[in-house]
Amino acid sequence: SWLQVRSLRRLQRNSFDYFLNETNRANGMVLDKTAPDWPASIAA
């Protein structure tokens, strides 16, 4: 439904923001998990 579509758009956008904010812009490493001193994972 259109109501569900709007909800999915919001969920998609919010989830996408992980890759904007949890990435080292200098080398492209992406945090595996939002825990202190955690490394990147190549799957992420």
All heavy atoms as atom14 arrays in JSON, in Angstrom:
{
  "sequence": "SWLQVRSLRRLQRNSFDYFLNETNRANGMVLDKTAPDWPASIAA",
  "atom14_mask": [
    [1, 1, 1, 1, 1, 1, 0, 0, 0, 0, 0, 0, 0, 0],
    [1, 1, 1, 1, 1, 1, 1, 1, 1, 1, 1, 1, 1, 1],
    [1, 1, 1, 1, 1, 1, 1, 1, 0, 0, 0, 0, 0, 0],
    [1, 1, 1, 1, 1, 1, 1, 1, 1, 0, 0, 0, 0, 0],
    [1, 1, 1, 1, 1, 1, 1, 0, 0, 0, 0, 0, 0, 0],
    [1, 1, 1, 1, 1, 1, 1, 1, 1, 1, 1, 0, 0, 0],
    [1, 1, 1, 1, 1, 1, 0, 0, 0, 0, 0, 0, 0, 0],
    [1, 1, 1, 1, 1, 1, 1, 1, 0, 0, 0, 0, 0, 0],
    [1, 1, 1, 1, 1, 1, 1, 1, 1, 1, 1, 0, 0, 0],
    [1, 1, 1, 1, 1, 1, 1, 1, 1, 1, 1, 0, 0, 0],
    [1, 1, 1, 1, 1, 1, 1, 1, 0, 0, 0, 0, 0, 0],
    [1, 1, 1, 1, 1, 1, 1, 1, 1, 0, 0, 0, 0, 0],
    [1, 1, 1, 1, 1, 1, 1, 1, 1, 1, 1, 0, 0, 0],
    [1, 1, 1, 1, 1, 1, 1, 1, 0, 0, 0, 0, 0, 0],
    [1, 1, 1, 1, 1, 1, 0, 0, 0, 0, 0, 0, 0, 0],
    [1, 1, 1, 1, 1, 1, 1, 1, 1, 1, 1, 0, 0, 0],
    [1, 1, 1, 1, 1, 1, 1, 1, 0, 0, 0, 0, 0, 0],
    [1, 1, 1, 1, 1, 1, 1, 1, 1, 1, 1, 1, 0, 0],
    [1, 1, 1, 1, 1, 1, 1, 1, 1, 1, 1, 0, 0, 0],
    [1, 1, 1, 1, 1, 1, 1, 1, 0, 0, 0, 0, 0, 0],
    [1, 1, 1, 1, 1, 1, 1, 1, 0, 0, 0, 0, 0, 0],
    [1, 1, 1, 1, 1, 1, 1, 1, 1, 0, 0, 0, 0, 0],
    [1, 1, 1, 1, 1, 1, 1, 0, 0, 0, 0, 0, 0, 0],
    [1, 1, 1, 1, 1, 1, 1, 1, 0, 0, 0, 0, 0, 0],
    [1, 1, 1, 1, 1, 1, 1, 1, 1, 1, 1, 0, 0, 0],
    [1, 1, 1, 1, 1, 0, 0, 0, 0, 0, 0, 0, 0, 0],
    [1, 1, 1, 1, 1, 1, 1, 1, 0, 0, 0, 0, 0, 0],
    [1, 1, 1, 1, 0, 0, 0, 0, 0, 0, 0, 0, 0, 0],
    [1, 1, 1, 1, 1, 1, 1, 1, 0, 0, 0, 0, 0, 0],
    [1, 1, 1, 1, 1, 1, 1, 0, 0, 0, 0, 0, 0, 0],
    [1, 1, 1, 1, 1, 1, 1, 1, 0, 0, 0, 0, 0, 0],
    [1, 1, 1, 1, 1, 1, 1, 1, 0, 0, 0, 0, 0, 0],
    [1, 1, 1, 1, 1, 1, 1, 1, 1, 0, 0, 0, 0, 0],
    [1, 1, 1, 1, 1, 1, 1, 0, 0, 0, 0, 0, 0, 0],
    [1, 1, 1, 1, 1, 0, 0, 0, 0, 0, 0, 0, 0, 0],
    [1, 1, 1, 1, 1, 1, 1, 0, 0, 0, 0, 0, 0, 0],
    [1, 1, 1, 1, 1, 1, 1, 1, 0, 0, 0, 0, 0, 0],
    [1, 1, 1, 1, 1, 1, 1, 1, 1, 1, 1, 1, 1, 1],
    [1, 1, 1, 1, 1, 1, 1, 0, 0, 0, 0, 0, 0, 0],
    [1, 1, 1, 1, 1, 0, 0, 0, 0, 0, 0, 0, 0, 0],
    [1, 1, 1, 1, 1, 1, 0, 0, 0, 0, 0, 0, 0, 0],
    [1, 1, 1, 1, 1, 1, 1, 1, 0, 0, 0, 0, 0, 0],
    [1, 1, 1, 1, 1, 0, 0, 0, 0, 0, 0, 0, 0, 0],
    [1, 1, 1, 1, 1, 0, 0, 0, 0, 0, 0, 0, 0, 0]
  ],
  "atom14_positions": [
    [[0.82, -1.2, 0.0], [0.0, 0.0, 0.0], [0.86, 1.26, 0.0], [2.05, 1.24, 0.34], [-0.9, 0.02, 1.24], [-0.14, 0.28, 2.4], [0.0, 0.0, 0.0], [0.0, 0.0, 0.0], [0.0, 0.0, 0.0], [0.0, 0.0, 0.0], [0.0, 0.0, 0.0], [0.0, 0.0, 0.0], [0.0, 0.0, 0.0], [0.0, 0.0, 0.0]],
    [[0.25, 2.39, -0.36], [0.97, 3.66, -0.38], [1.44, 4.04, 1.01], [2.53, 4.59, 1.18], [0.09, 4.76, -0.96], [0.03, 4.71, -2.45], [-1.03, 4.38, -3.23], [1.11, 4.99, -3.35], [-0.69, 4.42, -4.56], [0.62, 4.79, -4.67], [2.44, 5.37, -3.18], [1.41, 4.98, -5.79], [3.22, 5.55, -4.3], [2.71, 5.36, -5.6]],
    [[0.65, 3.75, 2.04], [1.06, 4.03, 3.41], [2.31, 3.23, 3.76], [3.27, 3.75, 4.36], [-0.08, 3.69, 4.38], [0.19, 3.99, 5.86], [0.42, 5.48, 6.06], [-0.97, 3.5, 6.72], [0.0, 0.0, 0.0], [0.0, 0.0, 0.0], [0.0, 0.0, 0.0], [0.0, 0.0, 0.0], [0.0, 0.0, 0.0], [0.0, 0.0, 0.0]],
    [[2.34, 1.97, 3.35], [3.5, 1.13, 3.6], [4.7, 1.61, 2.8], [5.84, 1.56, 3.27], [3.16, -0.33, 3.28], [2.17, -0.94, 4.26], [1.58, -2.25, 3.76], [1.58, -2.53, 2.57], [1.07, -3.04, 4.68], [0.0, 0.0, 0.0], [0.0, 0.0, 0.0], [0.0, 0.0, 0.0], [0.0, 0.0, 0.0], [0.0, 0.0, 0.0]],
    [[4.45, 2.08, 1.58], [5.54, 2.6, 0.75], [6.22, 3.78, 1.43], [7.45, 3.88, 1.46], [5.02, 3.0, -0.65], [6.05, 3.84, -1.39], [4.69, 1.75, -1.46], [0.0, 0.0, 0.0], [0.0, 0.0, 0.0], [0.0, 0.0, 0.0], [0.0, 0.0, 0.0], [0.0, 0.0, 0.0], [0.0, 0.0, 0.0], [0.0, 0.0, 0.0]],
    [[5.44, 4.71, 1.98], [6.02, 5.85, 2.67], [6.86, 5.41, 3.87], [7.94, 5.95, 4.13], [4.92, 6.82, 3.11], [4.29, 7.6, 1.97], [3.49, 8.79, 2.47], [2.33, 8.36, 3.24], [1.13, 8.13, 2.72], [0.93, 8.25, 1.41], [0.12, 7.76, 3.5], [0.0, 0.0, 0.0], [0.0, 0.0, 0.0], [0.0, 0.0, 0.0]],
    [[6.37, 4.42, 4.6], [7.12, 3.9, 5.75], [8.42, 3.25, 5.3], [9.47, 3.43, 5.94], [6.25, 2.88, 6.51], [6.97, 2.27, 7.54], [0.0, 0.0, 0.0], [0.0, 0.0, 0.0], [0.0, 0.0, 0.0], [0.0, 0.0, 0.0], [0.0, 0.0, 0.0], [0.0, 0.0, 0.0], [0.0, 0.0, 0.0], [0.0, 0.0, 0.0]],
    [[8.37, 2.54, 4.2], [9.57, 1.87, 3.69], [10.58, 2.89, 3.18], [11.79, 2.71, 3.35], [9.19, 0.9, 2.57], [8.4, -0.34, 3.02], [7.87, -1.1, 1.81], [9.27, -1.24, 3.88], [0.0, 0.0, 0.0], [0.0, 0.0, 0.0], [0.0, 0.0, 0.0], [0.0, 0.0, 0.0], [0.0, 0.0, 0.0], [0.0, 0.0, 0.0]],
    [[10.1, 3.95, 2.55], [11.02, 5.01, 2.12], [11.78, 5.59, 3.3], [12.99, 5.83, 3.24], [10.23, 6.13, 1.43], [9.74, 5.8, 0.03], [8.85, 6.94, -0.45], [8.33, 6.69, -1.79], [7.33, 7.36, -2.33], [6.72, 8.32, -1.63], [6.92, 7.09, -3.56], [0.0, 0.0, 0.0], [0.0, 0.0, 0.0], [0.0, 0.0, 0.0]],
    [[11.07, 5.84, 4.38], [11.69, 6.41, 5.58], [12.71, 5.43, 6.17], [13.83, 5.83, 6.54], [10.62, 6.77, 6.6], [11.15, 7.46, 7.85], [10.01, 8.04, 8.68], [9.04, 7.02, 9.07], [7.81, 6.92, 8.57], [7.4, 7.76, 7.63], [6.99, 5.96, 8.97], [0.0, 0.0, 0.0], [0.0, 0.0, 0.0], [0.0, 0.0, 0.0]],
    [[12.33, 4.17, 6.25], [13.25, 3.16, 6.78], [14.49, 3.04, 5.9], [15.62, 2.95, 6.4], [12.53, 1.81, 6.87], [13.38, 0.6, 7.3], [13.98, 0.82, 8.68], [12.53, -0.68, 7.27], [0.0, 0.0, 0.0], [0.0, 0.0, 0.0], [0.0, 0.0, 0.0], [0.0, 0.0, 0.0], [0.0, 0.0, 0.0], [0.0, 0.0, 0.0]],
    [[14.29, 3.07, 4.59], [15.42, 2.97, 3.67], [16.37, 4.15, 3.84], [17.59, 3.97, 3.91], [14.92, 2.88, 2.23], [16.03, 2.69, 1.21], [15.53, 2.71, -0.21], [14.63, 3.5, -0.56], [16.1, 1.87, -1.07], [0.0, 0.0, 0.0], [0.0, 0.0, 0.0], [0.0, 0.0, 0.0], [0.0, 0.0, 0.0], [0.0, 0.0, 0.0]],
    [[15.81, 5.35, 3.91], [16.65, 6.54, 4.04], [17.4, 6.54, 5.36], [18.61, 6.83, 5.41], [15.8, 7.81, 3.92], [16.59, 9.11, 4.16], [17.77, 9.18, 3.19], [18.83, 10.06, 3.64], [18.98, 11.33, 3.24], [18.08, 11.87, 2.43], [19.99, 12.03, 3.65], [0.0, 0.0, 0.0], [0.0, 0.0, 0.0], [0.0, 0.0, 0.0]],
    [[16.74, 6.22, 6.44], [17.4, 6.2, 7.75], [18.51, 5.16, 7.79], [19.59, 5.4, 8.36], [16.38, 5.93, 8.85], [15.43, 7.08, 9.06], [15.67, 8.19, 8.6], [14.33, 6.83, 9.76], [0.0, 0.0, 0.0], [0.0, 0.0, 0.0], [0.0, 0.0, 0.0], [0.0, 0.0, 0.0], [0.0, 0.0, 0.0], [0.0, 0.0, 0.0]],
    [[18.26, 4.01, 7.2], [19.27, 2.96, 7.19], [20.45, 3.35, 6.31], [21.61, 3.05, 6.63], [18.66, 1.64, 6.69], [17.63, 1.21, 7.55], [0.0, 0.0, 0.0], [0.0, 0.0, 0.0], [0.0, 0.0, 0.0], [0.0, 0.0, 0.0], [0.0, 0.0, 0.0], [0.0, 0.0, 0.0], [0.0, 0.0, 0.0], [0.0, 0.0, 0.0]],
    [[20.18, 4.04, 5.21], [21.26, 4.49, 4.32], [22.21, 5.44, 5.04], [23.43, 5.45, 4.77], [20.66, 5.2, 3.1], [21.7, 5.77, 2.17], [22.35, 4.96, 1.25], [22.02, 7.12, 2.22], [23.32, 5.48, 0.41], [22.99, 7.66, 1.37], [23.64, 6.82, 0.46], [0.0, 0.0, 0.0], [0.0, 0.0, 0.0], [0.0, 0.0, 0.0]],
    [[21.69, 6.21, 5.97], [22.51, 7.19, 6.68], [23.66, 6.53, 7.46], [24.66, 7.19, 7.77], [21.66, 8.03, 7.63], [20.87, 9.1, 6.89], [21.12, 9.3, 5.68], [20.0, 9.73, 7.52], [0.0, 0.0, 0.0], [0.0, 0.0, 0.0], [0.0, 0.0, 0.0], [0.0, 0.0, 0.0], [0.0, 0.0, 0.0], [0.0, 0.0, 0.0]],
    [[23.53, 5.26, 7.78], [24.63, 4.54, 8.44], [25.91, 4.68, 7.61], [27.0, 4.92, 8.15], [24.27, 3.07, 8.62], [25.32, 2.26, 9.34], [25.25, 2.07, 10.72], [26.4, 1.68, 8.66], [26.21, 1.32, 11.4], [27.36, 0.94, 9.32], [27.26, 0.76, 10.68], [28.23, 0.03, 11.35], [0.0, 0.0, 0.0], [0.0, 0.0, 0.0]],
    [[25.78, 4.53, 6.3], [26.96, 4.54, 5.43], [27.49, 5.95, 5.19], [28.63, 6.12, 4.78], [26.63, 3.84, 4.12], [26.2, 2.41, 4.32], [24.87, 2.04, 4.19], [27.11, 1.45, 4.72], [24.46, 0.74, 4.42], [26.72, 0.14, 4.96], [25.39, -0.22, 4.81], [0.0, 0.0, 0.0], [0.0, 0.0, 0.0], [0.0, 0.0, 0.0]],
    [[26.66, 6.95, 5.47], [27.15, 8.33, 5.41], [27.95, 8.69, 6.66], [28.96, 9.39, 6.57], [25.97, 9.3, 5.27], [25.14, 9.22, 3.99], [24.11, 10.34, 3.98], [26.01, 9.28, 2.74], [0.0, 0.0, 0.0], [0.0, 0.0, 0.0], [0.0, 0.0, 0.0], [0.0, 0.0, 0.0], [0.0, 0.0, 0.0], [0.0, 0.0, 0.0]],
    [[27.49, 8.21, 7.8], [28.03, 8.68, 9.08], [29.06, 7.75, 9.72], [29.83, 8.2, 10.56], [26.9, 8.91, 10.08], [25.89, 9.93, 9.58], [26.25, 10.87, 8.88], [24.63, 9.75, 9.94], [0.0, 0.0, 0.0], [0.0, 0.0, 0.0], [0.0, 0.0, 0.0], [0.0, 0.0, 0.0], [0.0, 0.0, 0.0], [0.0, 0.0, 0.0]],
    [[29.05, 6.48, 9.35], [29.93, 5.51, 10.01], [31.04, 5.05, 9.08], [31.5, 3.91, 9.13], [29.11, 4.31, 10.51], [27.94, 4.67, 11.42], [28.36, 5.39, 12.7], [29.56, 5.3, 13.08], [27.5, 6.05, 13.32], [0.0, 0.0, 0.0], [0.0, 0.0, 0.0], [0.0, 0.0, 0.0], [0.0, 0.0, 0.0], [0.0, 0.0, 0.0]],
    [[31.49, 5.96, 8.23], [32.54, 5.67, 7.24], [33.7, 6.64, 7.43], [33.48, 7.84, 7.66], [31.98, 5.8, 5.81], [30.95, 4.84, 5.63], [33.07, 5.57, 4.77], [0.0, 0.0, 0.0], [0.0, 0.0, 0.0], [0.0, 0.0, 0.0], [0.0, 0.0, 0.0], [0.0, 0.0, 0.0], [0.0, 0.0, 0.0], [0.0, 0.0, 0.0]],
    [[34.92, 6.14, 7.34], [36.1, 6.99, 7.35], [36.26, 7.56, 5.94], [36.61, 6.85, 5.0], [37.33, 6.18, 7.74], [38.59, 7.03, 7.83], [38.66, 8.14, 7.3], [39.62, 6.5, 8.49], [0.0, 0.0, 0.0], [0.0, 0.0, 0.0], [0.0, 0.0, 0.0], [0.0, 0.0, 0.0], [0.0, 0.0, 0.0], [0.0, 0.0, 0.0]],
    [[35.99, 8.85, 5.79], [36.01, 9.46, 4.46], [37.41, 9.47, 3.83], [37.55, 9.65, 2.62], [35.48, 10.9, 4.52], [34.0, 11.01, 4.86], [33.11, 10.41, 3.78], [33.25, 11.09, 2.5], [32.58, 12.17, 2.13], [31.71, 12.73, 2.98], [32.74, 12.71, 0.94], [0.0, 0.0, 0.0], [0.0, 0.0, 0.0], [0.0, 0.0, 0.0]],
    [[38.44, 9.26, 4.64], [39.8, 9.3, 4.12], [40.18, 8.01, 3.39], [41.03, 8.02, 2.5], [40.8, 9.56, 5.24], [0.0, 0.0, 0.0], [0.0, 0.0, 0.0], [0.0, 0.0, 0.0], [0.0, 0.0, 0.0], [0.0, 0.0, 0.0], [0.0, 0.0, 0.0], [0.0, 0.0, 0.0], [0.0, 0.0, 0.0], [0.0, 0.0, 0.0]],
    [[39.55, 6.88, 3.78], [39.94, 5.61, 3.16], [38.76, 4.7, 2.79], [38.97, 3.63, 2.21], [40.91, 4.83, 4.07], [40.32, 4.54, 5.45], [39.11, 4.6, 5.66], [41.19, 4.21, 6.4], [0.0, 0.0, 0.0], [0.0, 0.0, 0.0], [0.0, 0.0, 0.0], [0.0, 0.0, 0.0], [0.0, 0.0, 0.0], [0.0, 0.0, 0.0]],
    [[37.55, 5.1, 3.15], [36.37, 4.31, 2.79], [36.04, 3.17, 3.72], [35.1, 2.41, 3.46], [0.0, 0.0, 0.0], [0.0, 0.0, 0.0], [0.0, 0.0, 0.0], [0.0, 0.0, 0.0], [0.0, 0.0, 0.0], [0.0, 0.0, 0.0], [0.0, 0.0, 0.0], [0.0, 0.0, 0.0], [0.0, 0.0, 0.0], [0.0, 0.0, 0.0]],
    [[36.79, 3.02, 4.82], [36.47, 1.96, 5.77], [35.11, 2.22, 6.41], [34.82, 3.36, 6.82], [37.53, 1.87, 6.87], [38.94, 1.49, 6.39], [39.08, -0.17, 5.69], [39.03, 0.21, 3.92], [0.0, 0.0, 0.0], [0.0, 0.0, 0.0], [0.0, 0.0, 0.0], [0.0, 0.0, 0.0], [0.0, 0.0, 0.0], [0.0, 0.0, 0.0]],
    [[34.29, 1.17, 6.53], [32.95, 1.29, 7.08], [32.87, 0.5, 8.38], [33.21, -0.7, 8.41], [31.88, 0.78, 6.1], [30.48, 0.9, 6.71], [31.96, 1.56, 4.78], [0.0, 0.0, 0.0], [0.0, 0.0, 0.0], [0.0, 0.0, 0.0], [0.0, 0.0, 0.0], [0.0, 0.0, 0.0], [0.0, 0.0, 0.0], [0.0, 0.0, 0.0]],
    [[32.42, 1.15, 9.43], [32.35, 0.53, 10.75], [31.47, -0.72, 10.7], [30.35, -0.69, 10.18], [31.77, 1.53, 11.74], [31.91, 1.24, 13.23], [33.4, 1.23, 13.64], [31.15, 2.28, 14.04], [0.0, 0.0, 0.0], [0.0, 0.0, 0.0], [0.0, 0.0, 0.0], [0.0, 0.0, 0.0], [0.0, 0.0, 0.0], [0.0, 0.0, 0.0]],
    [[31.99, -1.8, 11.25], [31.21, -3.03, 11.31], [30.04, -2.91, 12.27], [28.93, -3.35, 11.97], [32.12, -4.18, 11.75], [31.36, -5.47, 12.01], [30.82, -6.05, 11.04], [31.28, -5.89, 13.19], [0.0, 0.0, 0.0], [0.0, 0.0, 0.0], [0.0, 0.0, 0.0], [0.0, 0.0, 0.0], [0.0, 0.0, 0.0], [0.0, 0.0, 0.0]],
    [[30.28, -2.24, 13.4], [29.3, -2.19, 14.49], [29.53, -0.91, 15.29], [30.67, -0.52, 15.53], [29.51, -3.44, 15.37], [28.82, -3.48, 16.7], [29.22, -4.76, 17.42], [28.79, -4.81, 18.87], [29.21, -6.07, 19.52], [0.0, 0.0, 0.0], [0.0, 0.0, 0.0], [0.0, 0.0, 0.0], [0.0, 0.0, 0.0], [0.0, 0.0, 0.0]],
    [[28.45, -0.28, 15.71], [28.56, 1.01, 16.42], [28.91, 0.81, 17.89], [28.16, 1.18, 18.79], [27.25, 1.8, 16.29], [26.16, 0.97, 16.75], [27.01, 2.26, 14.87], [0.0, 0.0, 0.0], [0.0, 0.0, 0.0], [0.0, 0.0, 0.0], [0.0, 0.0, 0.0], [0.0, 0.0, 0.0], [0.0, 0.0, 0.0], [0.0, 0.0, 0.0]],
    [[30.07, 0.22, 18.11], [30.6, 0.04, 19.47], [31.94, 0.76, 19.56], [32.62, 0.93, 18.55], [30.77, -1.45, 19.78], [0.0, 0.0, 0.0], [0.0, 0.0, 0.0], [0.0, 0.0, 0.0], [0.0, 0.0, 0.0], [0.0, 0.0, 0.0], [0.0, 0.0, 0.0], [0.0, 0.0, 0.0], [0.0, 0.0, 0.0], [0.0, 0.0, 0.0]],
    [[32.33, 1.2, 20.76], [33.6, 1.92, 20.9], [34.79, 1.12, 20.4], [34.89, -0.1, 20.66], [33.69, 2.18, 22.4], [32.28, 2.11, 22.9], [31.6, 1.09, 22.04], [0.0, 0.0, 0.0], [0.0, 0.0, 0.0], [0.0, 0.0, 0.0], [0.0, 0.0, 0.0], [0.0, 0.0, 0.0], [0.0, 0.0, 0.0], [0.0, 0.0, 0.0]],
    [[35.67, 1.77, 19.65], [36.92, 1.17, 19.17], [36.7, -0.08, 18.33], [37.51, -1.0, 18.34], [37.85, 0.83, 20.37], [38.18, 2.07, 21.19], [38.46, 3.12, 20.59], [38.16, 1.96, 22.44], [0.0, 0.0, 0.0], [0.0, 0.0, 0.0], [0.0, 0.0, 0.0], [0.0, 0.0, 0.0], [0.0, 0.0, 0.0], [0.0, 0.0, 0.0]],
    [[35.63, -0.11, 17.62], [35.3, -1.27, 16.78], [35.93, -1.08, 15.39], [36.06, 0.04, 14.9], [33.79, -1.42, 16.66], [33.35, -2.84, 16.48], [32.96, -3.46, 15.32], [33.23, -3.83, 17.5], [32.62, -4.77, 15.55], [32.78, -5.03, 16.89], [33.48, -3.84, 18.87], [32.57, -6.21, 17.6], [33.27, -5.02, 19.59], [32.82, -6.18, 18.94]],
    [[36.31, -2.17, 14.73], [36.91, -2.04, 13.4], [35.87, -1.98, 12.28], [34.67, -2.12, 12.51], [37.75, -3.32, 13.29], [36.96, -4.33, 14.07], [36.36, -3.56, 15.23], [0.0, 0.0, 0.0], [0.0, 0.0, 0.0], [0.0, 0.0, 0.0], [0.0, 0.0, 0.0], [0.0, 0.0, 0.0], [0.0, 0.0, 0.0], [0.0, 0.0, 0.0]],
    [[36.37, -1.8, 11.09], [35.56, -1.92, 9.89], [35.42, -3.4, 9.53], [36.2, -4.24, 9.99], [36.22, -1.18, 8.73], [0.0, 0.0, 0.0], [0.0, 0.0, 0.0], [0.0, 0.0, 0.0], [0.0, 0.0, 0.0], [0.0, 0.0, 0.0], [0.0, 0.0, 0.0], [0.0, 0.0, 0.0], [0.0, 0.0, 0.0], [0.0, 0.0, 0.0]],
    [[34.42, -3.72, 8.73], [34.35, -5.06, 8.15], [34.24, -4.91, 6.64], [33.61, -3.98, 6.14], [33.15, -5.85, 8.69], [31.93, -5.33, 8.21], [0.0, 0.0, 0.0], [0.0, 0.0, 0.0], [0.0, 0.0, 0.0], [0.0, 0.0, 0.0], [0.0, 0.0, 0.0], [0.0, 0.0, 0.0], [0.0, 0.0, 0.0], [0.0, 0.0, 0.0]],
    [[34.85, -5.85, 5.92], [34.82, -5.75, 4.46], [33.43, -6.04, 3.92], [33.07, -5.55, 2.84], [35.9, -6.63, 3.8], [35.74, -8.1, 4.18], [37.28, -6.12, 4.17], [36.64, -9.02, 3.36], [0.0, 0.0, 0.0], [0.0, 0.0, 0.0], [0.0, 0.0, 0.0], [0.0, 0.0, 0.0], [0.0, 0.0, 0.0], [0.0, 0.0, 0.0]],
    [[32.63, -6.79, 4.66], [31.24, -7.0, 4.23], [30.47, -5.69, 4.29], [29.7, -5.36, 3.38], [30.56, -8.05, 5.1], [0.0, 0.0, 0.0], [0.0, 0.0, 0.0], [0.0, 0.0, 0.0], [0.0, 0.0, 0.0], [0.0, 0.0, 0.0], [0.0, 0.0, 0.0], [0.0, 0.0, 0.0], [0.0, 0.0, 0.0], [0.0, 0.0, 0.0]],
    [[30.68, -4.91, 5.36], [30.01, -3.61, 5.46], [30.47, -2.68, 4.36], [29.68, -1.88, 3.83], [30.27, -2.99, 6.83], [0.0, 0.0, 0.0], [0.0, 0.0, 0.0], [0.0, 0.0, 0.0], [0.0, 0.0, 0.0], [0.0, 0.0, 0.0], [0.0, 0.0, 0.0], [0.0, 0.0, 0.0], [0.0, 0.0, 0.0], [0.0, 0.0, 0.0]]
  ]
}
